[in-house]
Each structure stands twice: as structure tokens, then as C-alpha cells.
N, C-alpha and C. Protein backbone atom coordinates (compact mmCIF):
# COMPACT_ATOMS: atom_id res chain seq x y z
N UNK A 1 0.84 -1.18 0.00
CA UNK A 1 0.00 0.00 0.00
C UNK A 1 0.89 1.25 0.00
N UNK A 2 0.51 2.22 -0.80
CA UNK A 2 1.25 3.47 -0.88
C UNK A 2 0.68 4.47 0.12
N UNK A 3 1.53 5.17 0.85
CA UNK A 3 1.03 6.21 1.76
C UNK A 3 0.73 7.51 0.99
N UNK A 4 -0.04 8.37 1.61
CA UNK A 4 -0.34 9.68 1.04
C UNK A 4 0.99 10.41 0.83
N UNK A 5 1.12 11.07 -0.32
CA UNK A 5 2.35 11.78 -0.66
C UNK A 5 3.28 10.96 -1.55
N UNK A 6 2.95 9.68 -1.76
CA UNK A 6 3.78 8.83 -2.62
C UNK A 6 3.72 9.30 -4.05
N UNK A 7 4.87 9.25 -4.70
CA UNK A 7 4.96 9.58 -6.13
C UNK A 7 4.86 8.25 -6.88
N UNK A 8 3.84 8.15 -7.72
CA UNK A 8 3.56 6.88 -8.40
C UNK A 8 3.37 7.10 -9.90
N UNK A 9 3.41 5.98 -10.64
CA UNK A 9 3.17 6.03 -12.08
C UNK A 9 2.02 5.10 -12.40
N UNK A 10 0.97 5.65 -13.01
CA UNK A 10 -0.13 4.86 -13.56
C UNK A 10 0.29 4.54 -14.99
N UNK A 11 0.21 3.26 -15.40
CA UNK A 11 0.73 2.90 -16.72
C UNK A 11 0.10 3.67 -17.89
N UNK A 12 -1.12 4.09 -17.77
CA UNK A 12 -1.75 4.78 -18.89
C UNK A 12 -1.78 6.29 -18.72
N UNK A 13 -1.95 6.77 -17.50
CA UNK A 13 -2.11 8.20 -17.27
C UNK A 13 -0.84 8.90 -16.82
N UNK A 14 0.20 8.14 -16.53
CA UNK A 14 1.48 8.75 -16.19
C UNK A 14 1.68 8.97 -14.71
N UNK A 15 2.65 9.83 -14.40
CA UNK A 15 3.09 10.05 -13.03
C UNK A 15 2.19 11.04 -12.29
N UNK A 16 2.14 10.82 -10.98
CA UNK A 16 1.37 11.72 -10.13
C UNK A 16 1.68 11.45 -8.68
N UNK A 17 1.04 12.23 -7.83
CA UNK A 17 1.24 12.11 -6.39
C UNK A 17 -0.08 11.72 -5.74
N UNK A 18 -0.02 10.76 -4.82
CA UNK A 18 -1.23 10.36 -4.09
C UNK A 18 -1.54 11.48 -3.09
N UNK A 19 -2.68 12.13 -3.30
CA UNK A 19 -3.05 13.25 -2.44
C UNK A 19 -3.92 12.82 -1.27
N UNK A 20 -4.65 11.71 -1.44
CA UNK A 20 -5.43 11.18 -0.32
C UNK A 20 -5.88 9.76 -0.65
N UNK A 21 -6.32 9.08 0.39
CA UNK A 21 -6.91 7.76 0.24
C UNK A 21 -8.34 7.91 0.75
N UNK A 22 -9.29 7.63 -0.12
CA UNK A 22 -10.69 7.94 0.16
C UNK A 22 -11.54 6.68 0.11
N UNK A 23 -12.47 6.58 1.04
CA UNK A 23 -13.43 5.47 1.04
C UNK A 23 -14.64 5.88 0.20
N UNK A 24 -15.05 4.99 -0.70
CA UNK A 24 -16.25 5.22 -1.51
C UNK A 24 -17.17 4.03 -1.33
N UNK A 25 -18.45 4.32 -1.15
CA UNK A 25 -19.43 3.25 -1.03
C UNK A 25 -20.19 3.12 -2.33
N UNK A 26 -20.24 1.90 -2.82
CA UNK A 26 -21.03 1.59 -4.01
C UNK A 26 -21.97 0.47 -3.60
N UNK A 27 -23.26 0.83 -3.54
CA UNK A 27 -24.23 -0.14 -3.05
C UNK A 27 -23.92 -0.48 -1.60
N UNK A 28 -23.78 -1.78 -1.33
CA UNK A 28 -23.52 -2.22 0.04
C UNK A 28 -22.03 -2.34 0.36
N UNK A 29 -21.18 -2.25 -0.67
CA UNK A 29 -19.75 -2.43 -0.41
C UNK A 29 -19.03 -1.09 -0.40
N UNK A 30 -17.95 -1.08 0.37
CA UNK A 30 -17.13 0.12 0.51
C UNK A 30 -15.71 -0.23 0.10
N UNK A 31 -15.08 0.66 -0.68
CA UNK A 31 -13.73 0.41 -1.16
C UNK A 31 -12.86 1.65 -0.96
N UNK A 32 -11.57 1.41 -0.71
CA UNK A 32 -10.61 2.51 -0.58
C UNK A 32 -10.02 2.81 -1.95
N UNK A 33 -9.84 4.09 -2.25
CA UNK A 33 -9.28 4.54 -3.52
C UNK A 33 -8.13 5.50 -3.27
N UNK A 34 -7.07 5.32 -4.08
CA UNK A 34 -6.02 6.33 -4.11
C UNK A 34 -6.53 7.47 -4.97
N UNK A 35 -6.39 8.68 -4.50
CA UNK A 35 -6.69 9.86 -5.30
C UNK A 35 -5.32 10.40 -5.74
N UNK A 36 -5.08 10.36 -7.05
CA UNK A 36 -3.77 10.72 -7.58
C UNK A 36 -3.90 11.97 -8.44
N UNK A 37 -3.10 12.97 -8.11
CA UNK A 37 -3.04 14.19 -8.90
C UNK A 37 -1.91 14.03 -9.90
N UNK A 38 -2.25 14.03 -11.21
CA UNK A 38 -1.24 13.78 -12.24
C UNK A 38 -0.42 15.04 -12.53
N UNK A 39 0.77 14.81 -13.08
CA UNK A 39 1.71 15.89 -13.33
C UNK A 39 1.51 16.51 -14.71
N UNK A 40 1.46 15.66 -15.74
CA UNK A 40 1.47 16.20 -17.11
C UNK A 40 0.11 16.74 -17.56
N UNK A 41 -0.95 16.28 -16.94
CA UNK A 41 -2.29 16.81 -17.26
C UNK A 41 -3.00 17.15 -15.96
N UNK A 42 -3.72 18.25 -15.92
CA UNK A 42 -4.41 18.59 -14.68
C UNK A 42 -5.66 17.71 -14.48
N UNK A 43 -5.44 16.56 -13.86
CA UNK A 43 -6.57 15.67 -13.59
C UNK A 43 -6.30 14.87 -12.33
N UNK A 44 -7.36 14.30 -11.79
CA UNK A 44 -7.22 13.42 -10.63
C UNK A 44 -7.72 12.05 -11.02
N UNK A 45 -6.95 11.04 -10.65
CA UNK A 45 -7.33 9.66 -10.90
C UNK A 45 -7.82 9.04 -9.60
N UNK A 46 -8.75 8.11 -9.74
CA UNK A 46 -9.17 7.30 -8.60
C UNK A 46 -8.78 5.87 -8.94
N UNK A 47 -7.88 5.31 -8.15
CA UNK A 47 -7.42 3.94 -8.38
C UNK A 47 -7.78 3.12 -7.15
N UNK A 48 -8.54 2.03 -7.33
CA UNK A 48 -8.87 1.19 -6.18
C UNK A 48 -7.59 0.65 -5.53
N UNK A 49 -7.47 0.84 -4.23
CA UNK A 49 -6.28 0.40 -3.50
C UNK A 49 -6.05 -1.10 -3.71
N UNK A 50 -7.12 -1.89 -3.65
CA UNK A 50 -6.97 -3.34 -3.76
C UNK A 50 -6.68 -3.82 -5.19
N UNK A 51 -6.70 -2.91 -6.17
CA UNK A 51 -6.38 -3.28 -7.55
C UNK A 51 -5.11 -2.59 -8.06
N UNK A 52 -4.39 -1.91 -7.17
CA UNK A 52 -3.20 -1.16 -7.58
C UNK A 52 -2.16 -2.07 -8.24
N UNK A 53 -1.93 -3.26 -7.67
CA UNK A 53 -0.96 -4.20 -8.26
C UNK A 53 -1.44 -4.68 -9.62
N UNK A 54 -2.69 -5.01 -9.71
CA UNK A 54 -3.28 -5.50 -10.97
C UNK A 54 -3.18 -4.44 -12.08
N UNK A 55 -3.35 -3.20 -11.72
CA UNK A 55 -3.27 -2.08 -12.67
C UNK A 55 -1.82 -1.76 -13.00
N UNK A 56 -0.89 -2.26 -12.20
CA UNK A 56 0.55 -1.99 -12.33
C UNK A 56 0.93 -0.58 -11.90
N UNK A 57 0.25 -0.07 -10.89
CA UNK A 57 0.64 1.20 -10.29
C UNK A 57 1.99 0.95 -9.62
N UNK A 58 2.96 1.80 -9.90
CA UNK A 58 4.31 1.58 -9.36
C UNK A 58 4.89 2.89 -8.87
N UNK A 59 5.91 2.79 -8.01
CA UNK A 59 6.56 4.02 -7.55
C UNK A 59 7.36 4.66 -8.68
N UNK A 60 7.53 5.96 -8.62
CA UNK A 60 8.37 6.68 -9.59
C UNK A 60 9.80 6.19 -9.39
N UNK A 61 10.48 5.95 -10.49
CA UNK A 61 11.87 5.48 -10.43
C UNK A 61 12.79 6.62 -10.00
N UNK A 62 13.98 6.29 -9.50
CA UNK A 62 14.93 7.34 -9.12
C UNK A 62 15.37 8.16 -10.35
N UNK A 63 15.58 9.45 -10.15
CA UNK A 63 15.96 10.35 -11.26
C UNK A 63 17.20 9.85 -11.99
N UNK A 64 18.18 9.36 -11.27
CA UNK A 64 19.42 8.89 -11.89
C UNK A 64 19.13 7.75 -12.88
N UNK A 65 18.26 6.84 -12.48
CA UNK A 65 17.90 5.72 -13.37
C UNK A 65 17.17 6.22 -14.62
N UNK A 66 16.26 7.17 -14.45
CA UNK A 66 15.50 7.71 -15.58
C UNK A 66 16.43 8.43 -16.55
N UNK A 67 17.34 9.23 -16.02
CA UNK A 67 18.29 9.94 -16.88
C UNK A 67 19.20 8.95 -17.61
N UNK A 68 19.56 7.88 -16.94
CA UNK A 68 20.36 6.83 -17.57
C UNK A 68 19.57 6.18 -18.71
N UNK A 69 18.29 5.89 -18.46
CA UNK A 69 17.43 5.28 -19.50
C UNK A 69 17.27 6.21 -20.70
N UNK A 70 17.31 7.51 -20.47
CA UNK A 70 17.16 8.48 -21.56
C UNK A 70 18.39 8.57 -22.46
N UNK A 71 19.52 8.02 -22.01
CA UNK A 71 20.74 8.09 -22.81
C UNK A 71 20.59 7.45 -24.18
N UNK A 72 19.73 6.44 -24.30
CA UNK A 72 19.55 5.76 -25.58
C UNK A 72 18.96 6.70 -26.64
N UNK A 73 18.36 7.80 -26.20
CA UNK A 73 17.79 8.76 -27.15
C UNK A 73 18.83 9.32 -28.11
N UNK A 74 20.10 9.30 -27.72
CA UNK A 74 21.16 9.84 -28.57
C UNK A 74 21.50 8.90 -29.73
N UNK A 75 20.98 7.67 -29.67
CA UNK A 75 21.29 6.69 -30.71
C UNK A 75 20.12 6.58 -31.69
N UNK A 76 20.35 6.89 -32.98
CA UNK A 76 19.28 6.69 -33.96
C UNK A 76 18.89 5.21 -34.02
N UNK A 77 17.61 4.91 -34.19
CA UNK A 77 17.20 3.51 -34.25
C UNK A 77 17.69 2.84 -35.54
N UNK A 78 17.95 1.55 -35.44
CA UNK A 78 18.32 0.77 -36.62
C UNK A 78 17.07 0.56 -37.48
N UNK A 79 17.25 0.33 -38.76
CA UNK A 79 16.11 0.08 -39.65
C UNK A 79 15.23 -1.05 -39.13
N UNK A 80 15.85 -2.05 -38.51
CA UNK A 80 15.10 -3.20 -38.00
C UNK A 80 14.17 -2.83 -36.84
N UNK A 81 14.41 -1.68 -36.20
CA UNK A 81 13.56 -1.24 -35.10
C UNK A 81 12.30 -0.52 -35.59
N UNK A 82 12.24 -0.22 -36.87
CA UNK A 82 11.12 0.54 -37.42
C UNK A 82 10.31 -0.39 -38.32
N UNK A 83 9.18 -0.83 -37.81
CA UNK A 83 8.32 -1.73 -38.58
C UNK A 83 7.74 -1.00 -39.79
N UNK A 84 7.77 -1.66 -40.92
CA UNK A 84 7.21 -1.08 -42.15
C UNK A 84 5.69 -1.14 -42.16
N UNK A 85 5.13 -2.05 -41.36
CA UNK A 85 3.67 -2.21 -41.28
C UNK A 85 3.11 -1.16 -40.31
N UNK A 86 2.49 -0.13 -40.88
CA UNK A 86 1.99 1.01 -40.09
C UNK A 86 1.08 0.57 -38.95
N UNK A 87 0.07 -0.23 -39.24
CA UNK A 87 -0.90 -0.63 -38.20
C UNK A 87 -0.23 -1.46 -37.11
N UNK A 88 0.63 -2.39 -37.51
CA UNK A 88 1.31 -3.23 -36.52
C UNK A 88 2.23 -2.38 -35.65
N UNK A 89 2.96 -1.44 -36.27
CA UNK A 89 3.87 -0.58 -35.52
C UNK A 89 3.10 0.26 -34.51
N UNK A 90 2.01 0.85 -34.96
CA UNK A 90 1.22 1.70 -34.07
C UNK A 90 0.60 0.89 -32.93
N UNK A 91 0.13 -0.31 -33.22
CA UNK A 91 -0.45 -1.17 -32.18
C UNK A 91 0.62 -1.54 -31.15
N UNK A 92 1.81 -1.89 -31.64
CA UNK A 92 2.91 -2.24 -30.74
C UNK A 92 3.29 -1.05 -29.88
N UNK A 93 3.36 0.12 -30.49
CA UNK A 93 3.74 1.33 -29.75
C UNK A 93 2.69 1.70 -28.71
N UNK A 94 1.42 1.52 -29.04
CA UNK A 94 0.36 1.79 -28.05
C UNK A 94 0.54 0.89 -26.84
N UNK A 95 0.82 -0.38 -27.09
CA UNK A 95 1.03 -1.33 -25.99
C UNK A 95 2.25 -0.94 -25.15
N UNK A 96 3.31 -0.52 -25.82
CA UNK A 96 4.51 -0.10 -25.09
C UNK A 96 4.22 1.13 -24.24
N UNK A 97 3.44 2.07 -24.76
CA UNK A 97 3.09 3.25 -23.98
C UNK A 97 2.22 2.87 -22.78
N UNK A 98 1.28 1.95 -22.98
CA UNK A 98 0.38 1.53 -21.91
C UNK A 98 1.08 0.68 -20.86
N UNK A 99 2.26 0.15 -21.20
CA UNK A 99 2.98 -0.72 -20.26
C UNK A 99 3.41 0.04 -19.00
N UNK A 100 3.64 1.35 -19.16
CA UNK A 100 4.12 2.14 -18.04
C UNK A 100 5.60 1.97 -17.78
N UNK A 101 6.28 1.15 -18.58
CA UNK A 101 7.73 0.92 -18.43
C UNK A 101 8.49 2.06 -19.08
N UNK A 102 9.24 2.78 -18.29
CA UNK A 102 9.95 3.97 -18.76
C UNK A 102 10.82 3.67 -19.97
N UNK A 103 11.58 2.57 -19.92
CA UNK A 103 12.49 2.28 -21.03
C UNK A 103 11.75 1.95 -22.33
N UNK A 104 10.58 1.33 -22.23
CA UNK A 104 9.79 1.07 -23.43
C UNK A 104 9.23 2.37 -24.01
N UNK A 105 8.82 3.28 -23.13
CA UNK A 105 8.29 4.57 -23.58
C UNK A 105 9.41 5.39 -24.23
N UNK A 106 10.61 5.32 -23.66
CA UNK A 106 11.76 6.00 -24.25
C UNK A 106 11.96 5.51 -25.68
N UNK A 107 11.87 4.20 -25.86
CA UNK A 107 12.10 3.64 -27.20
C UNK A 107 11.03 4.11 -28.20
N UNK A 108 9.77 4.17 -27.77
CA UNK A 108 8.71 4.66 -28.65
C UNK A 108 9.00 6.10 -29.07
N UNK A 109 9.32 6.95 -28.11
CA UNK A 109 9.60 8.36 -28.41
C UNK A 109 10.81 8.48 -29.32
N UNK A 110 11.84 7.70 -29.07
CA UNK A 110 13.08 7.75 -29.87
C UNK A 110 12.81 7.36 -31.32
N UNK A 111 12.09 6.28 -31.53
CA UNK A 111 11.80 5.81 -32.90
C UNK A 111 10.93 6.83 -33.64
N UNK A 112 9.88 7.31 -32.99
CA UNK A 112 8.98 8.26 -33.66
C UNK A 112 9.68 9.60 -33.91
N UNK A 113 10.51 10.04 -32.99
CA UNK A 113 11.25 11.29 -33.17
C UNK A 113 12.18 11.17 -34.38
N UNK A 114 12.84 10.03 -34.49
CA UNK A 114 13.72 9.78 -35.63
C UNK A 114 12.91 9.76 -36.93
N UNK A 115 11.77 9.05 -36.93
CA UNK A 115 10.93 8.98 -38.13
C UNK A 115 10.46 10.37 -38.55
N UNK A 116 10.14 11.20 -37.56
CA UNK A 116 9.67 12.56 -37.83
C UNK A 116 10.77 13.41 -38.48
N UNK A 117 12.02 13.07 -38.22
CA UNK A 117 13.13 13.82 -38.83
C UNK A 117 13.27 13.47 -40.32
N UNK A 118 12.73 12.32 -40.71
CA UNK A 118 12.83 11.86 -42.10
C UNK A 118 11.66 12.35 -42.95
N UNK A 119 10.49 12.38 -42.32
CA UNK A 119 9.28 12.87 -42.98
C UNK A 119 8.26 13.21 -41.89
N UNK A 120 7.38 14.17 -42.13
CA UNK A 120 6.39 14.52 -41.10
C UNK A 120 5.54 13.29 -40.73
N UNK A 121 5.31 13.14 -39.44
CA UNK A 121 4.50 12.02 -38.95
C UNK A 121 3.03 12.24 -39.28
N UNK A 122 2.31 11.14 -39.43
CA UNK A 122 0.87 11.20 -39.58
C UNK A 122 0.24 11.53 -38.24
N UNK A 123 -1.04 11.74 -38.23
CA UNK A 123 -1.75 12.15 -37.03
C UNK A 123 -1.58 11.17 -35.88
N UNK A 124 -1.76 9.89 -36.12
CA UNK A 124 -1.67 8.89 -35.05
C UNK A 124 -0.24 8.83 -34.50
N UNK A 125 0.74 8.76 -35.39
CA UNK A 125 2.13 8.71 -34.93
C UNK A 125 2.50 9.96 -34.14
N UNK A 126 2.03 11.11 -34.59
CA UNK A 126 2.31 12.37 -33.89
C UNK A 126 1.71 12.33 -32.47
N UNK A 127 0.48 11.79 -32.37
CA UNK A 127 -0.17 11.68 -31.06
C UNK A 127 0.60 10.71 -30.15
N UNK A 128 1.07 9.60 -30.72
CA UNK A 128 1.84 8.64 -29.93
C UNK A 128 3.15 9.26 -29.45
N UNK A 129 3.81 10.04 -30.31
CA UNK A 129 5.05 10.71 -29.92
C UNK A 129 4.79 11.69 -28.78
N UNK A 130 3.75 12.50 -28.90
CA UNK A 130 3.43 13.48 -27.85
C UNK A 130 3.06 12.79 -26.55
N UNK A 131 2.29 11.71 -26.64
CA UNK A 131 1.91 10.96 -25.44
C UNK A 131 3.17 10.39 -24.77
N UNK A 132 4.07 9.84 -25.57
CA UNK A 132 5.31 9.29 -25.03
C UNK A 132 6.14 10.35 -24.33
N UNK A 133 6.30 11.50 -24.99
CA UNK A 133 7.09 12.58 -24.39
C UNK A 133 6.45 13.07 -23.10
N UNK A 134 5.12 13.16 -23.06
CA UNK A 134 4.41 13.59 -21.85
C UNK A 134 4.62 12.60 -20.70
N UNK A 135 4.52 11.30 -21.02
CA UNK A 135 4.71 10.28 -19.99
C UNK A 135 6.14 10.32 -19.43
N UNK A 136 7.11 10.47 -20.32
CA UNK A 136 8.51 10.54 -19.89
C UNK A 136 8.75 11.78 -19.02
N UNK A 137 8.27 12.92 -19.49
CA UNK A 137 8.48 14.17 -18.77
C UNK A 137 7.79 14.15 -17.41
N UNK A 138 6.62 13.57 -17.33
CA UNK A 138 5.89 13.52 -16.06
C UNK A 138 6.65 12.76 -14.99
N UNK A 139 7.14 11.57 -15.36
CA UNK A 139 7.89 10.79 -14.37
C UNK A 139 9.21 11.48 -14.03
N UNK A 140 9.88 12.02 -15.04
CA UNK A 140 11.15 12.70 -14.82
C UNK A 140 10.95 13.93 -13.91
N UNK A 141 9.88 14.67 -14.12
CA UNK A 141 9.60 15.86 -13.30
C UNK A 141 9.43 15.48 -11.83
N UNK A 142 8.65 14.43 -11.57
CA UNK A 142 8.44 14.02 -10.18
C UNK A 142 9.72 13.48 -9.55
N UNK A 143 10.45 12.66 -10.31
CA UNK A 143 11.67 12.06 -9.77
C UNK A 143 12.74 13.10 -9.50
N UNK A 144 12.84 14.08 -10.39
CA UNK A 144 13.89 15.11 -10.29
C UNK A 144 13.45 16.32 -9.47
N UNK A 145 12.17 16.35 -9.12
CA UNK A 145 11.58 17.47 -8.39
C UNK A 145 11.78 18.79 -9.14
N UNK A 146 11.43 18.76 -10.44
CA UNK A 146 11.48 19.96 -11.27
C UNK A 146 10.09 20.19 -11.87
N UNK A 147 9.90 21.36 -12.44
CA UNK A 147 8.63 21.66 -13.10
C UNK A 147 8.49 20.82 -14.36
N UNK A 148 7.26 20.55 -14.76
CA UNK A 148 7.00 19.71 -15.93
C UNK A 148 7.63 20.30 -17.19
N UNK A 149 7.62 21.62 -17.34
CA UNK A 149 8.20 22.23 -18.53
C UNK A 149 9.71 21.98 -18.62
N UNK A 150 10.38 22.02 -17.48
CA UNK A 150 11.81 21.74 -17.46
C UNK A 150 12.07 20.27 -17.84
N UNK A 151 11.24 19.38 -17.35
CA UNK A 151 11.39 17.96 -17.68
C UNK A 151 11.10 17.72 -19.16
N UNK A 152 10.09 18.41 -19.71
CA UNK A 152 9.80 18.28 -21.15
C UNK A 152 10.99 18.74 -21.98
N UNK A 153 11.62 19.82 -21.55
CA UNK A 153 12.79 20.33 -22.28
C UNK A 153 13.94 19.33 -22.21
N UNK A 154 14.12 18.69 -21.06
CA UNK A 154 15.17 17.69 -20.90
C UNK A 154 14.94 16.51 -21.86
N UNK A 155 13.69 16.05 -21.94
CA UNK A 155 13.35 14.95 -22.85
C UNK A 155 13.61 15.37 -24.30
N UNK A 156 13.17 16.57 -24.64
CA UNK A 156 13.38 17.09 -26.00
C UNK A 156 14.87 17.21 -26.32
N UNK A 157 15.65 17.71 -25.37
CA UNK A 157 17.10 17.84 -25.57
C UNK A 157 17.75 16.48 -25.79
N UNK A 158 17.31 15.49 -25.01
CA UNK A 158 17.86 14.14 -25.15
C UNK A 158 17.53 13.56 -26.52
N UNK A 159 16.32 13.81 -27.01
CA UNK A 159 15.93 13.32 -28.33
C UNK A 159 16.70 14.04 -29.44
N UNK A 160 16.89 15.35 -29.28
CA UNK A 160 17.62 16.12 -30.29
C UNK A 160 19.09 15.70 -30.36
N UNK A 161 19.62 15.16 -29.27
CA UNK A 161 21.02 14.73 -29.24
C UNK A 161 21.30 13.64 -30.27
N UNK A 162 20.24 12.98 -30.72
CA UNK A 162 20.37 11.95 -31.76
C UNK A 162 20.98 12.54 -33.03
N UNK A 163 20.79 13.82 -33.24
CA UNK A 163 21.24 14.46 -34.47
C UNK A 163 22.46 15.35 -34.28
N UNK A 164 23.01 15.34 -33.06
CA UNK A 164 24.25 16.10 -32.83
C UNK A 164 25.39 15.43 -33.57
N UNK A 165 26.09 16.20 -34.35
CA UNK A 165 27.22 15.64 -35.11
C UNK A 165 28.53 15.77 -34.37
N UNK A 166 28.52 16.52 -33.29
CA UNK A 166 29.74 16.72 -32.54
C UNK A 166 30.58 17.86 -33.08
N UNK A 167 30.12 18.49 -34.16
CA UNK A 167 30.86 19.60 -34.77
C UNK A 167 30.32 20.90 -34.21
N UNK A 168 31.18 21.69 -33.68
CA UNK A 168 30.74 22.99 -33.13
C UNK A 168 31.54 24.09 -33.74
């Protein structure tokens, strides 16, 4: 069980802080819910305490680990990492984003960012890229105790490093 004030990651909605644990009665049964205030979007989530494991609610990873995971952004993806089948690629990327695993989300953002440098992304791919960047920035902001905009800039900088030639 997470105490109030815990920084957690919901696999689909991203990082947030548990602001309270509230009892709700539905019919004859009563259940405890985590009330989570999310970082990247102004919303509150209600997650049943007894289903937190099933939902894969997890603690925010340490900032050092997240920054380490972001290092792969500097490496352009190999051709084999980019599926030619649009629908299959998008379905796989949706699943990776929903996994809540930071390193999988990093990979989605990295591949789509690279593809966008070659040609403008379609609507769905653009939405997946933005969702990935938001999820990454949200967890990074909470772990590093910085504002969301600063974390978004860090993610963007890490992705742009893929195209640094080292020539100044």
C-alpha cells in the first residue's frame, strides 16, 4: 500500500502524487481509492487500493535511473527497429506506452522522433510521440523534483542529441 504523498506512475495516465486515500461506497460495499493528482495533465485519478498491483501502479523510479534510461535517445534507431507495417507498428507502440515501463516509452519516443526527422509524422504517430514525451516528462519531473516544462525540455534535448554531429 502506498502512503499519502507517494509519487507513483499509472501505466496509462502517467506520473502523479497520491493526495489522499478515500473510502467510496457503491451499493452495500465500501472500497478505498487512491486519489492521484497527475503531473502532465491537470486531472485526478481514482485507483482502487486493492487493484493497484493488478493495474501496475508503481513508484516513480529514481531520477538517476531515468536519466540513464534516456541516454539511448542519442542513438538513432536501426532500420530493424522501425516496422514497415503502419498498423502493426502503431499497435505495438500503443502497448509499449500503456505498459508504463519507462524504457519502453523511451524507445517509442526515440523511434517516432527519428521517423519525424525523415518525414512529417501522420496524425496517429504524432499523437503517440506526444503521449510518449508527456509520460517521460511527467515521471522525470516528479523524480527530479522539477517543473513539468523543465522535464519536457530535458526529454526534447535528449531526443535532439540523436542528431548532434559533434561539430561545433
